[in-house]
C-alpha cells in the first residue's frame, strides 16, 4: 500500500511541476495584448512594408548565435515574430489585411525588440 501511495504522490508532483512549466512557457510565448496594436489601422501598403520588415528582422535574429544560444526568451520571440508575420504576409499577398495576424506580428516584434 505504501508503494502505491508513494507512486501516486510522485505522479502528482510530476504533473504539478509539468503543468507549471507549461503554463510558464505559454505565458512567455504569447501576446496577450496584441489587440492594442494600431498597425492594422494604417494604410495597407504601410502594413505590408512594416510586416515584411518585421519578418526580415526576425529571420535575421534567428540566424544570430546570441539569440539561438540565449537562455532567455529571445529565441521564442524571434520565432513567434517570424511565424506571426509570415502568416500576416500570406494574407497580405492575397490583398487581405488580417487584423489578428497583423496585431500578433506587431506585438511579437515589439516583445522581441524590448529584449535588446
PDB file of N, CA and C in Angstrom:
ATOM      1  N   UNK A   1       0.825  -1.192   0.000  1.00  0.00           N
ATOM      2  CA  UNK A   1       0.000   0.000   0.000  1.00  0.00           C
ATOM      3  C   UNK A   1       0.870   1.258   0.000  1.00  0.00           C
ATOM      4  N   UNK A   2       1.944   1.236   0.776  1.00  0.00           N
ATOM      5  CA  UNK A   2       2.814   2.393   0.860  1.00  0.00           C
ATOM      6  C   UNK A   2       3.423   2.708  -0.506  1.00  0.00           C
ATOM      7  N   UNK A   3       3.813   1.690  -1.274  1.00  0.00           N
ATOM      8  CA  UNK A   3       4.409   1.879  -2.591  1.00  0.00           C
ATOM      9  C   UNK A   3       3.412   2.538  -3.544  1.00  0.00           C
ATOM     10  N   UNK A   4       2.168   2.145  -3.491  1.00  0.00           N
ATOM     11  CA  UNK A   4       1.142   2.729  -4.351  1.00  0.00           C
ATOM     12  C   UNK A   4       0.952   4.202  -4.003  1.00  0.00           C
ATOM     13  N   UNK A   5       0.940   4.514  -2.717  1.00  0.00           N
ATOM     14  CA  UNK A   5       0.794   5.906  -2.293  1.00  0.00           C
ATOM     15  C   UNK A   5       2.006   6.740  -2.702  1.00  0.00           C
ATOM     16  N   UNK A   6       3.204   6.158  -2.585  1.00  0.00           N
ATOM     17  CA  UNK A   6       4.404   6.876  -2.996  1.00  0.00           C
ATOM     18  C   UNK A   6       4.378   7.149  -4.501  1.00  0.00           C
ATOM     19  N   UNK A   7       3.963   6.142  -5.269  1.00  0.00           N
ATOM     20  CA  UNK A   7       3.872   6.299  -6.716  1.00  0.00           C
ATOM     21  C   UNK A   7       2.871   7.398  -7.075  1.00  0.00           C
ATOM     22  N   UNK A   8       1.732   7.390  -6.395  1.00  0.00           N
ATOM     23  CA  UNK A   8       0.704   8.401  -6.656  1.00  0.00           C
ATOM     24  C   UNK A   8       1.220   9.797  -6.305  1.00  0.00           C
ATOM     25  N   UNK A   9       1.948   9.903  -5.208  1.00  0.00           N
ATOM     26  CA  UNK A   9       2.487  11.193  -4.797  1.00  0.00           C
ATOM     27  C   UNK A   9       3.510  11.704  -5.811  1.00  0.00           C
ATOM     28  N   UNK A  10       4.372  10.808  -6.283  1.00  0.00           N
ATOM     29  CA  UNK A  10       5.364  11.190  -7.281  1.00  0.00           C
ATOM     30  C   UNK A  10       4.670  11.595  -8.583  1.00  0.00           C
ATOM     31  N   UNK A  11       3.656  10.848  -8.996  1.00  0.00           N
ATOM     32  CA  UNK A  11       2.917  11.168 -10.219  1.00  0.00           C
ATOM     33  C   UNK A  11       2.241  12.532 -10.108  1.00  0.00           C
ATOM     34  N   UNK A  12       1.683  12.808  -8.939  1.00  0.00           N
ATOM     35  CA  UNK A  12       1.041  14.109  -8.713  1.00  0.00           C
ATOM     36  C   UNK A  12       2.058  15.239  -8.770  1.00  0.00           C
ATOM     37  N   UNK A  13       3.210  15.017  -8.169  1.00  0.00           N
ATOM     38  CA  UNK A  13       4.265  16.023  -8.169  1.00  0.00           C
ATOM     39  C   UNK A  13       4.752  16.293  -9.590  1.00  0.00           C
ATOM     40  N   UNK A  14       4.973  15.249 -10.353  1.00  0.00           N
ATOM     41  CA  UNK A  14       5.424  15.410 -11.744  1.00  0.00           C
ATOM     42  C   UNK A  14       4.381  16.162 -12.554  1.00  0.00           C
ATOM     43  N   UNK A  15       3.124  15.822 -12.381  1.00  0.00           N
ATOM     44  CA  UNK A  15       2.051  16.504 -13.110  1.00  0.00           C
ATOM     45  C   UNK A  15       1.984  17.980 -12.731  1.00  0.00           C
ATOM     46  N   UNK A  16       2.146  18.269 -11.451  1.00  0.00           N
ATOM     47  CA  UNK A  16       2.091  19.661 -10.987  1.00  0.00           C
ATOM     48  C   UNK A  16       3.251  20.467 -11.544  1.00  0.00           C
ATOM     49  N   UNK A  17       4.456  19.903 -11.488  1.00  0.00           N
ATOM     50  CA  UNK A  17       5.636  20.598 -11.993  1.00  0.00           C
ATOM     51  C   UNK A  17       5.535  20.775 -13.496  1.00  0.00           C
ATOM     52  N   UNK A  18       5.095  19.751 -14.211  1.00  0.00           N
ATOM     53  CA  UNK A  18       4.946  19.851 -15.663  1.00  0.00           C
ATOM     54  C   UNK A  18       3.921  20.911 -16.019  1.00  0.00           C
ATOM     55  N   UNK A  19       2.843  20.965 -15.287  1.00  0.00           N
ATOM     56  CA  UNK A  19       1.811  21.966 -15.544  1.00  0.00           C
ATOM     57  C   UNK A  19       2.330  23.373 -15.334  1.00  0.00           C
ATOM     58  N   UNK A  20       3.153  23.567 -14.308  1.00  0.00           N
ATOM     59  CA  UNK A  20       3.710  24.888 -14.051  1.00  0.00           C
ATOM     60  C   UNK A  20       4.659  25.304 -15.165  1.00  0.00           C
ATOM     61  N   UNK A  21       5.483  24.382 -15.619  1.00  0.00           N
ATOM     62  CA  UNK A  21       6.420  24.704 -16.689  1.00  0.00           C
ATOM     63  C   UNK A  21       5.667  25.034 -17.967  1.00  0.00           C
ATOM     64  N   UNK A  22       4.636  24.270 -18.248  1.00  0.00           N
ATOM     65  CA  UNK A  22       3.865  24.509 -19.452  1.00  0.00           C
ATOM     66  C   UNK A  22       3.169  25.858 -19.380  1.00  0.00           C
ATOM     67  N   UNK A  23       2.575  26.161 -18.248  1.00  0.00           N
ATOM     68  CA  UNK A  23       1.894  27.449 -18.102  1.00  0.00           C
ATOM     69  C   UNK A  23       2.884  28.587 -18.269  1.00  0.00           C
ATOM     70  N   UNK A  24       4.064  28.453 -17.707  1.00  0.00           N
ATOM     71  CA  UNK A  24       5.078  29.481 -17.853  1.00  0.00           C
ATOM     72  C   UNK A  24       5.520  29.632 -19.299  1.00  0.00           C
ATOM     73  N   UNK A  25       5.695  28.516 -20.000  1.00  0.00           N
ATOM     74  CA  UNK A  25       6.097  28.560 -21.393  1.00  0.00           C
ATOM     75  C   UNK A  25       5.035  29.244 -22.245  1.00  0.00           C
ATOM     76  N   UNK A  26       3.785  28.940 -21.980  1.00  0.00           N
ATOM     77  CA  UNK A  26       2.722  29.547 -22.766  1.00  0.00           C
ATOM     78  C   UNK A  26       2.656  31.050 -22.525  1.00  0.00           C
ATOM     79  N   UNK A  27       2.893  31.457 -21.287  1.00  0.00           N
ATOM     80  CA  UNK A  27       2.863  32.880 -20.970  1.00  0.00           C
ATOM     81  C   UNK A  27       4.001  33.614 -21.678  1.00  0.00           C
ATOM     82  N   UNK A  28       5.177  32.991 -21.742  1.00  0.00           N
ATOM     83  CA  UNK A  28       6.319  33.608 -22.400  1.00  0.00           C
ATOM     84  C   UNK A  28       6.090  33.678 -23.902  1.00  0.00           C
ATOM     85  N   UNK A  29       5.396  32.698 -24.466  1.00  0.00           N
ATOM     86  CA  UNK A  29       5.249  32.609 -25.914  1.00  0.00           C
ATOM     87  C   UNK A  29       3.941  33.134 -26.454  1.00  0.00           C
ATOM     88  N   UNK A  30       3.307  34.066 -25.781  1.00  0.00           N
ATOM     89  CA  UNK A  30       2.052  34.591 -26.316  1.00  0.00           C
ATOM     90  C   UNK A  30       2.007  36.107 -26.165  1.00  0.00           C
ATOM     91  N   UNK A  31       1.189  36.714 -26.996  1.00  0.00           N
ATOM     92  CA  UNK A  31       0.980  38.166 -26.931  1.00  0.00           C
ATOM     93  C   UNK A  31      -0.442  38.383 -26.438  1.00  0.00           C
ATOM     94  N   UNK A  32      -0.579  38.545 -25.160  1.00  0.00           N
ATOM     95  CA  UNK A  32      -1.907  38.664 -24.570  1.00  0.00           C
ATOM     96  C   UNK A  32      -2.585  39.985 -24.915  1.00  0.00           C
ATOM     97  N   UNK A  33      -1.816  40.996 -25.252  1.00  0.00           N
ATOM     98  CA  UNK A  33      -2.395  42.311 -25.510  1.00  0.00           C
ATOM     99  C   UNK A  33      -2.185  42.743 -26.955  1.00  0.00           C
ATOM    100  N   UNK A  34      -2.177  41.785 -27.871  1.00  0.00           N
ATOM    101  CA  UNK A  34      -1.972  42.087 -29.283  1.00  0.00           C
ATOM    102  C   UNK A  34      -3.043  43.027 -29.813  1.00  0.00           C
ATOM    103  N   UNK A  35      -4.223  42.971 -29.233  1.00  0.00           N
ATOM    104  CA  UNK A  35      -5.321  43.807 -29.718  1.00  0.00           C
ATOM    105  C   UNK A  35      -5.048  45.300 -29.526  1.00  0.00           C
ATOM    106  N   UNK A  36      -4.023  45.643 -28.754  1.00  0.00           N
ATOM    107  CA  UNK A  36      -3.683  47.046 -28.549  1.00  0.00           C
ATOM    108  C   UNK A  36      -2.897  47.636 -29.721  1.00  0.00           C
ATOM    109  N   UNK A  37      -2.493  46.787 -30.661  1.00  0.00           N
ATOM    110  CA  UNK A  37      -1.738  47.245 -31.819  1.00  0.00           C
ATOM    111  C   UNK A  37      -2.609  48.104 -32.731  1.00  0.00           C
ATOM    112  N   UNK A  38      -2.037  49.190 -33.198  1.00  0.00           N
ATOM    113  CA  UNK A  38      -2.751  50.056 -34.142  1.00  0.00           C
ATOM    114  C   UNK A  38      -2.266  49.841 -35.575  1.00  0.00           C
ATOM    115  N   UNK A  39      -1.340  48.925 -35.769  1.00  0.00           N
ATOM    116  CA  UNK A  39      -0.787  48.678 -37.096  1.00  0.00           C
ATOM    117  C   UNK A  39      -1.854  48.341 -38.137  1.00  0.00           C
ATOM    118  N   UNK A  40      -2.861  47.518 -37.835  1.00  0.00           N
ATOM    119  CA  UNK A  40      -3.860  47.207 -38.862  1.00  0.00           C
ATOM    120  C   UNK A  40      -4.679  48.408 -39.333  1.00  0.00           C
ATOM    121  N   UNK A  41      -4.657  49.488 -38.588  1.00  0.00           N
ATOM    122  CA  UNK A  41      -5.442  50.668 -38.947  1.00  0.00           C
ATOM    123  C   UNK A  41      -4.726  51.571 -39.960  1.00  0.00           C
ATOM    124  N   UNK A  42      -3.450  51.285 -40.215  1.00  0.00           N
ATOM    125  CA  UNK A  42      -2.678  52.079 -41.173  1.00  0.00           C
ATOM    126  C   UNK A  42      -3.031  51.657 -42.598  1.00  0.00           C
ATOM    127  N   UNK A  43      -2.646  52.457 -43.604  1.00  0.00           N
ATOM    128  CA  UNK A  43      -2.901  52.061 -44.989  1.00  0.00           C
ATOM    129  C   UNK A  43      -2.267  50.693 -45.284  1.00  0.00           C
ATOM    130  N   UNK A  44      -2.928  49.905 -46.118  1.00  0.00           N
ATOM    131  CA  UNK A  44      -2.499  48.523 -46.342  1.00  0.00           C
ATOM    132  C   UNK A  44      -1.060  48.425 -46.867  1.00  0.00           C
ATOM    133  N   UNK A  45      -0.619  49.370 -47.678  1.00  0.00           N
ATOM    134  CA  UNK A  45       0.759  49.328 -48.184  1.00  0.00           C
ATOM    135  C   UNK A  45       1.756  49.531 -47.038  1.00  0.00           C
ATOM    136  N   UNK A  46       1.441  50.399 -46.108  1.00  0.00           N
ATOM    137  CA  UNK A  46       2.286  50.622 -44.931  1.00  0.00           C
ATOM    138  C   UNK A  46       2.325  49.366 -44.069  1.00  0.00           C
ATOM    139  N   UNK A  47       1.169  48.748 -43.901  1.00  0.00           N
ATOM    140  CA  UNK A  47       1.092  47.499 -43.119  1.00  0.00           C
ATOM    141  C   UNK A  47       1.974  46.440 -43.765  1.00  0.00           C
ATOM    142  N   UNK A  48       1.860  46.299 -45.069  1.00  0.00           N
ATOM    143  CA  UNK A  48       2.633  45.276 -45.780  1.00  0.00           C
ATOM    144  C   UNK A  48       4.131  45.513 -45.633  1.00  0.00           C
ATOM    145  N   UNK A  49       4.573  46.749 -45.816  1.00  0.00           N
ATOM    146  CA  UNK A  49       6.001  47.074 -45.686  1.00  0.00           C
ATOM    147  C   UNK A  49       6.504  46.821 -44.263  1.00  0.00           C
ATOM    148  N   UNK A  50       5.714  47.230 -43.283  1.00  0.00           N
ATOM    149  CA  UNK A  50       6.102  47.065 -41.882  1.00  0.00           C
ATOM    150  C   UNK A  50       6.171  45.594 -41.502  1.00  0.00           C
ATOM    151  N   UNK A  51       5.154  44.826 -41.889  1.00  0.00           N
ATOM    152  CA  UNK A  51       5.133  43.398 -41.566  1.00  0.00           C
ATOM    153  C   UNK A  51       6.310  42.690 -42.233  1.00  0.00           C
ATOM    154  N   UNK A  52       6.599  43.063 -43.461  1.00  0.00           N
ATOM    155  CA  UNK A  52       7.740  42.454 -44.160  1.00  0.00           C
ATOM    156  C   UNK A  52       9.052  42.798 -43.452  1.00  0.00           C
ATOM    157  N   UNK A  53       9.182  44.041 -42.998  1.00  0.00           N
ATOM    158  CA  UNK A  53      10.373  44.469 -42.252  1.00  0.00           C
ATOM    159  C   UNK A  53      10.511  43.653 -40.963  1.00  0.00           C
ATOM    160  N   UNK A  54       9.418  43.470 -40.245  1.00  0.00           N
ATOM    161  CA  UNK A  54       9.446  42.692 -39.003  1.00  0.00           C
ATOM    162  C   UNK A  54       9.828  41.241 -39.277  1.00  0.00           C
ATOM    163  N   UNK A  55       9.275  40.680 -40.347  1.00  0.00           N
ATOM    164  CA  UNK A  55       9.583  39.295 -40.733  1.00  0.00           C
ATOM    165  C   UNK A  55      11.078  39.150 -41.027  1.00  0.00           C
ATOM    166  N   UNK A  56      11.628  40.081 -41.812  1.00  0.00           N
ATOM    167  CA  UNK A  56      13.053  40.032 -42.142  1.00  0.00           C
ATOM    168  C   UNK A  56      13.922  40.182 -40.902  1.00  0.00           C
ATOM    169  N   UNK A  57      13.531  41.068 -40.002  1.00  0.00           N
ATOM    170  CA  UNK A  57      14.295  41.270 -38.767  1.00  0.00           C
ATOM    171  C   UNK A  57      14.290  40.009 -37.903  1.00  0.00           C
ATOM    172  N   UNK A  58      13.133  39.364 -37.800  1.00  0.00           N
ATOM    173  CA  UNK A  58      13.040  38.130 -37.012  1.00  0.00           C
ATOM    174  C   UNK A  58      13.868  37.024 -37.650  1.00  0.00           C
ATOM    175  N   UNK A  59      13.836  36.932 -38.975  1.00  0.00           N
ATOM    176  CA  UNK A  59      14.635  35.926 -39.683  1.00  0.00           C
ATOM    177  C   UNK A  59      16.121  36.129 -39.401  1.00  0.00           C
ATOM    178  N   UNK A  60      16.559  37.380 -39.412  1.00  0.00           N
ATOM    179  CA  UNK A  60      17.962  37.684 -39.116  1.00  0.00           C
ATOM    180  C   UNK A  60      18.311  37.320 -37.675  1.00  0.00           C
ATOM    181  N   UNK A  61      17.409  37.608 -36.747  1.00  0.00           N
ATOM    182  CA  UNK A  61      17.648  37.279 -35.337  1.00  0.00           C
ATOM    183  C   UNK A  61      17.788  35.767 -35.143  1.00  0.00           C
ATOM    184  N   UNK A  62      17.026  35.002 -35.910  1.00  0.00           N
ATOM    185  CA  UNK A  62      17.076  33.547 -35.772  1.00  0.00           C
ATOM    186  C   UNK A  62      18.366  32.947 -36.331  1.00  0.00           C
ATOM    187  N   UNK A  63      19.152  33.747 -37.014  1.00  0.00           N
ATOM    188  CA  UNK A  63      20.466  33.310 -37.503  1.00  0.00           C
ATOM    189  C   UNK A  63      21.580  33.793 -36.581  1.00  0.00           C
ATOM    190  N   UNK A  64      21.240  34.614 -35.609  1.00  0.00           N
ATOM    191  CA  UNK A  64      22.195  35.204 -34.670  1.00  0.00           C
ATOM    192  C   UNK A  64      22.492  34.183 -33.562  1.00  0.00           C
ATOM    193  N   UNK A  65      23.746  33.819 -33.401  1.00  0.00           N
ATOM    194  CA  UNK A  65      24.100  32.805 -32.401  1.00  0.00           C
ATOM    195  C   UNK A  65      23.755  33.254 -30.981  1.00  0.00           C
ATOM    196  N   UNK A  66      23.795  34.549 -30.718  1.00  0.00           N
ATOM    197  CA  UNK A  66      23.436  35.042 -29.387  1.00  0.00           C
ATOM    198  C   UNK A  66      21.966  34.770 -29.087  1.00  0.00           C
ATOM    199  N   UNK A  67      21.126  34.858 -30.103  1.00  0.00           N
ATOM    200  CA  UNK A  67      19.702  34.585 -29.926  1.00  0.00           C
ATOM    201  C   UNK A  67      19.470  33.077 -29.841  1.00  0.00           C
ATOM    202  N   UNK A  68      20.126  32.328 -30.706  1.00  0.00           N
ATOM    203  CA  UNK A  68      19.957  30.867 -30.724  1.00  0.00           C
ATOM    204  C   UNK A  68      20.376  30.267 -29.390  1.00  0.00           C
ATOM    205  N   UNK A  69      21.470  30.746 -28.833  1.00  0.00           N
ATOM    206  CA  UNK A  69      22.004  30.201 -27.584  1.00  0.00           C
ATOM    207  C   UNK A  69      21.463  30.890 -26.338  1.00  0.00           C
ATOM    208  N   UNK A  70      20.559  31.824 -26.496  1.00  0.00           N
ATOM    209  CA  UNK A  70      20.047  32.602 -25.377  1.00  0.00           C
ATOM    210  C   UNK A  70      19.305  31.728 -24.369  1.00  0.00           C
ATOM    211  N   UNK A  71      19.573  31.982 -23.098  1.00  0.00           N
ATOM    212  CA  UNK A  71      18.835  31.294 -22.038  1.00  0.00           C
ATOM    213  C   UNK A  71      17.508  31.988 -21.775  1.00  0.00           C
ATOM    214  N   UNK A  72      17.358  33.200 -22.278  1.00  0.00           N
ATOM    215  CA  UNK A  72      16.131  33.963 -22.100  1.00  0.00           C
ATOM    216  C   UNK A  72      15.144  33.705 -23.234  1.00  0.00           C
ATOM    217  N   UNK A  73      14.126  34.536 -23.322  1.00  0.00           N
ATOM    218  CA  UNK A  73      13.064  34.312 -24.305  1.00  0.00           C
ATOM    219  C   UNK A  73      13.344  34.889 -25.703  1.00  0.00           C
ATOM    220  N   UNK A  74      14.555  35.326 -25.995  1.00  0.00           N
ATOM    221  CA  UNK A  74      14.841  35.941 -27.291  1.00  0.00           C
ATOM    222  C   UNK A  74      14.514  35.014 -28.453  1.00  0.00           C
ATOM    223  N   UNK A  75      14.906  33.756 -28.347  1.00  0.00           N
ATOM    224  CA  UNK A  75      14.641  32.810 -29.435  1.00  0.00           C
ATOM    225  C   UNK A  75      13.138  32.592 -29.603  1.00  0.00           C
ATOM    226  N   UNK A  76      12.418  32.515 -28.494  1.00  0.00           N
ATOM    227  CA  UNK A  76      10.965  32.319 -28.551  1.00  0.00           C
ATOM    228  C   UNK A  76      10.310  33.492 -29.272  1.00  0.00           C
ATOM    229  N   UNK A  77      10.699  34.716 -28.921  1.00  0.00           N
ATOM    230  CA  UNK A  77      10.072  35.885 -29.540  1.00  0.00           C
ATOM    231  C   UNK A  77      10.486  36.055 -30.986  1.00  0.00           C
ATOM    232  N   UNK A  78      11.716  35.711 -31.322  1.00  0.00           N
ATOM    233  CA  UNK A  78      12.131  35.765 -32.725  1.00  0.00           C
ATOM    234  C   UNK A  78      11.327  34.757 -33.544  1.00  0.00           C
ATOM    235  N   UNK A  79      11.148  33.568 -33.014  1.00  0.00           N
ATOM    236  CA  UNK A  79      10.358  32.535 -33.699  1.00  0.00           C
ATOM    237  C   UNK A  79       8.901  32.953 -33.817  1.00  0.00           C
ATOM    238  N   UNK A  80       8.357  33.468 -32.736  1.00  0.00           N
ATOM    239  CA  UNK A  80       6.957  33.903 -32.734  1.00  0.00           C
ATOM    240  C   UNK A  80       6.741  35.041 -33.726  1.00  0.00           C
ATOM    241  N   UNK A  81       7.691  35.967 -33.788  1.00  0.00           N
ATOM    242  CA  UNK A  81       7.585  37.082 -34.728  1.00  0.00           C
ATOM    243  C   UNK A  81       7.617  36.589 -36.162  1.00  0.00           C
ATOM    244  N   UNK A  82       8.558  35.701 -36.457  1.00  0.00           N
ATOM    245  CA  UNK A  82       8.662  35.181 -37.828  1.00  0.00           C
ATOM    246  C   UNK A  82       7.384  34.439 -38.217  1.00  0.00           C
ATOM    247  N   UNK A  83       6.870  33.625 -37.316  1.00  0.00           N
ATOM    248  CA  UNK A  83       5.646  32.877 -37.612  1.00  0.00           C
ATOM    249  C   UNK A  83       4.449  33.813 -37.803  1.00  0.00           C
ATOM    250  N   UNK A  84       4.236  34.729 -36.859  1.00  0.00           N
ATOM    251  CA  UNK A  84       3.073  35.617 -36.918  1.00  0.00           C
ATOM    252  C   UNK A  84       3.146  36.545 -38.133  1.00  0.00           C
ATOM    253  N   UNK A  85       4.332  37.077 -38.404  1.00  0.00           N
ATOM    254  CA  UNK A  85       4.474  37.979 -39.544  1.00  0.00           C
ATOM    255  C   UNK A  85       4.377  37.217 -40.867  1.00  0.00           C
ATOM    256  N   UNK A  86       4.864  35.989 -40.889  1.00  0.00           N
ATOM    257  CA  UNK A  86       4.724  35.164 -42.087  1.00  0.00           C
ATOM    258  C   UNK A  86       3.261  34.889 -42.397  1.00  0.00           C
ATOM    259  N   UNK A  87       2.499  34.615 -41.369  1.00  0.00           N
ATOM    260  CA  UNK A  87       1.057  34.398 -41.540  1.00  0.00           C
ATOM    261  C   UNK A  87       0.385  35.674 -42.052  1.00  0.00           C
ATOM    262  N   UNK A  88       0.739  36.805 -41.454  1.00  0.00           N
ATOM    263  CA  UNK A  88       0.164  38.087 -41.885  1.00  0.00           C
ATOM    264  C   UNK A  88       0.539  38.385 -43.337  1.00  0.00           C
ATOM    265  N   UNK A  89       1.781  38.077 -43.711  1.00  0.00           N
ATOM    266  CA  UNK A  89       2.216  38.309 -45.089  1.00  0.00           C
ATOM    267  C   UNK A  89       1.434  37.447 -46.075  1.00  0.00           C
ATOM    268  N   UNK A  90       1.117  36.238 -45.667  1.00  0.00           N
ATOM    269  CA  UNK A  90       0.314  35.368 -46.521  1.00  0.00           C
ATOM    270  C   UNK A  90      -1.039  35.997 -46.833  1.00  0.00           C
ATOM    271  N   UNK A  91      -1.675  36.526 -45.821  1.00  0.00           N
ATOM    272  CA  UNK A  91      -2.957  37.225 -46.032  1.00  0.00           C
ATOM    273  C   UNK A  91      -2.757  38.472 -46.885  1.00  0.00           C
ATOM    274  N   UNK A  92      -1.703  39.229 -46.596  1.00  0.00           N
ATOM    275  CA  UNK A  92      -1.466  40.475 -47.320  1.00  0.00           C
ATOM    276  C   UNK A  92      -1.198  40.236 -48.803  1.00  0.00           C
ATOM    277  N   UNK A  93      -0.547  39.120 -49.130  1.00  0.00           N
ATOM    278  CA  UNK A  93      -0.282  38.799 -50.542  1.00  0.00           C
ATOM    279  C   UNK A  93      -1.574  38.577 -51.315  1.00  0.00           C
ATOM    280  N   UNK A  94      -2.609  38.144 -50.609  1.00  0.00           N
ATOM    281  CA  UNK A  94      -3.899  37.938 -51.279  1.00  0.00           C
ATOM    282  C   UNK A  94      -4.767  39.192 -51.213  1.00  0.00           C
ATOM    283  N   UNK A  95      -4.212  40.282 -50.665  1.00  0.00           N
ATOM    284  CA  UNK A  95      -4.948  41.544 -50.600  1.00  0.00           C
ATOM    285  C   UNK A  95      -5.786  41.721 -49.350  1.00  0.00           C
ATOM    286  N   UNK A  96      -5.620  40.834 -48.392  1.00  0.00           N
ATOM    287  CA  UNK A  96      -6.405  40.894 -47.161  1.00  0.00           C
ATOM    288  C   UNK A  96      -5.532  41.330 -45.997  1.00  0.00           C
ATOM    289  N   UNK A  97      -5.988  42.322 -45.255  1.00  0.00           N
ATOM    290  CA  UNK A  97      -5.314  42.704 -44.017  1.00  0.00           C
ATOM    291  C   UNK A  97      -6.028  41.954 -42.900  1.00  0.00           C
ATOM    292  N   UNK A  98      -5.410  40.842 -42.468  1.00  0.00           N
ATOM    293  CA  UNK A  98      -5.986  40.064 -41.374  1.00  0.00           C
ATOM    294  C   UNK A  98      -5.582  40.724 -40.065  1.00  0.00           C
ATOM    295  N   UNK A  99      -6.529  41.374 -39.440  1.00  0.00           N
ATOM    296  CA  UNK A  99      -6.274  42.186 -38.250  1.00  0.00           C
ATOM    297  C   UNK A  99      -5.563  41.388 -37.156  1.00  0.00           C
ATOM    298  N   UNK A 100      -6.028  40.189 -36.875  1.00  0.00           N
ATOM    299  CA  UNK A 100      -5.460  39.396 -35.781  1.00  0.00           C
ATOM    300  C   UNK A 100      -3.996  39.017 -36.048  1.00  0.00           C
ATOM    301  N   UNK A 101      -3.699  38.551 -37.243  1.00  0.00           N
ATOM    302  CA  UNK A 101      -2.318  38.145 -37.521  1.00  0.00           C
ATOM    303  C   UNK A 101      -1.378  39.359 -37.571  1.00  0.00           C
ATOM    304  N   UNK A 102      -1.852  40.492 -38.065  1.00  0.00           N
ATOM    305  CA  UNK A 102      -1.035  41.708 -38.081  1.00  0.00           C
ATOM    306  C   UNK A 102      -0.779  42.178 -36.644  1.00  0.00           C
ATOM    307  N   UNK A 103      -1.795  42.108 -35.796  1.00  0.00           N
ATOM    308  CA  UNK A 103      -1.631  42.515 -34.395  1.00  0.00           C
ATOM    309  C   UNK A 103      -0.633  41.610 -33.677  1.00  0.00           C
ATOM    310  N   UNK A 104      -0.712  40.307 -33.922  1.00  0.00           N
ATOM    311  CA  UNK A 104       0.226  39.378 -33.284  1.00  0.00           C
ATOM    312  C   UNK A 104       1.649  39.601 -33.789  1.00  0.00           C
ATOM    313  N   UNK A 105       1.776  39.896 -35.075  1.00  0.00           N
ATOM    314  CA  UNK A 105       3.087  40.207 -35.654  1.00  0.00           C
ATOM    315  C   UNK A 105       3.677  41.428 -34.958  1.00  0.00           C
ATOM    316  N   UNK A 106       2.894  42.468 -34.847  1.00  0.00           N
ATOM    317  CA  UNK A 106       3.338  43.709 -34.219  1.00  0.00           C
ATOM    318  C   UNK A 106       3.712  43.488 -32.756  1.00  0.00           C
ATOM    319  N   UNK A 107       2.868  42.795 -32.048  1.00  0.00           N
ATOM    320  CA  UNK A 107       3.119  42.535 -30.630  1.00  0.00           C
ATOM    321  C   UNK A 107       4.393  41.708 -30.435  1.00  0.00           C
ATOM    322  N   UNK A 108       4.526  40.645 -31.209  1.00  0.00           N
ATOM    323  CA  UNK A 108       5.702  39.780 -31.084  1.00  0.00           C
ATOM    324  C   UNK A 108       6.986  40.533 -31.396  1.00  0.00           C
ATOM    325  N   UNK A 109       6.936  41.342 -32.445  1.00  0.00           N
ATOM    326  CA  UNK A 109       8.114  42.123 -32.807  1.00  0.00           C
ATOM    327  C   UNK A 109       8.473  43.107 -31.688  1.00  0.00           C
ATOM    328  N   UNK A 110       7.478  43.743 -31.115  1.00  0.00           N
ATOM    329  CA  UNK A 110       7.738  44.673 -30.013  1.00  0.00           C
ATOM    330  C   UNK A 110       8.319  43.959 -28.797  1.00  0.00           C
ATOM    331  N   UNK A 111       7.841  42.756 -28.517  1.00  0.00           N
ATOM    332  CA  UNK A 111       8.406  41.984 -27.405  1.00  0.00           C
ATOM    333  C   UNK A 111       9.847  41.605 -27.709  1.00  0.00           C
ATOM    334  N   UNK A 112      10.115  41.228 -28.964  1.00  0.00           N
ATOM    335  CA  UNK A 112      11.470  40.872 -29.373  1.00  0.00           C
ATOM    336  C   UNK A 112      12.413  42.057 -29.230  1.00  0.00           C
ATOM    337  N   UNK A 113      11.988  43.216 -29.668  1.00  0.00           N
ATOM    338  CA  UNK A 113      12.877  44.383 -29.647  1.00  0.00           C
ATOM    339  C   UNK A 113      13.092  44.925 -28.229  1.00  0.00           C
ATOM    340  N   UNK A 114      12.182  44.647 -27.316  1.00  0.00           N
ATOM    341  CA  UNK A 114      12.402  45.098 -25.934  1.00  0.00           C
ATOM    342  C   UNK A 114      13.459  44.243 -25.232  1.00  0.00           C
ATOM    343  N   UNK A 115      13.799  43.107 -25.824  1.00  0.00           N
ATOM    344  CA  UNK A 115      14.820  42.236 -25.234  1.00  0.00           C
ATOM    345  C   UNK A 115      16.240  42.695 -25.564  1.00  0.00           C
ATOM    346  N   UNK A 116      16.368  43.564 -26.524  1.00  0.00           N
ATOM    347  CA  UNK A 116      17.711  44.013 -26.963  1.00  0.00           C
ATOM    348  C   UNK A 116      18.339  44.938 -25.974  1.00  0.00           C
TER     349      UNK A 116
END
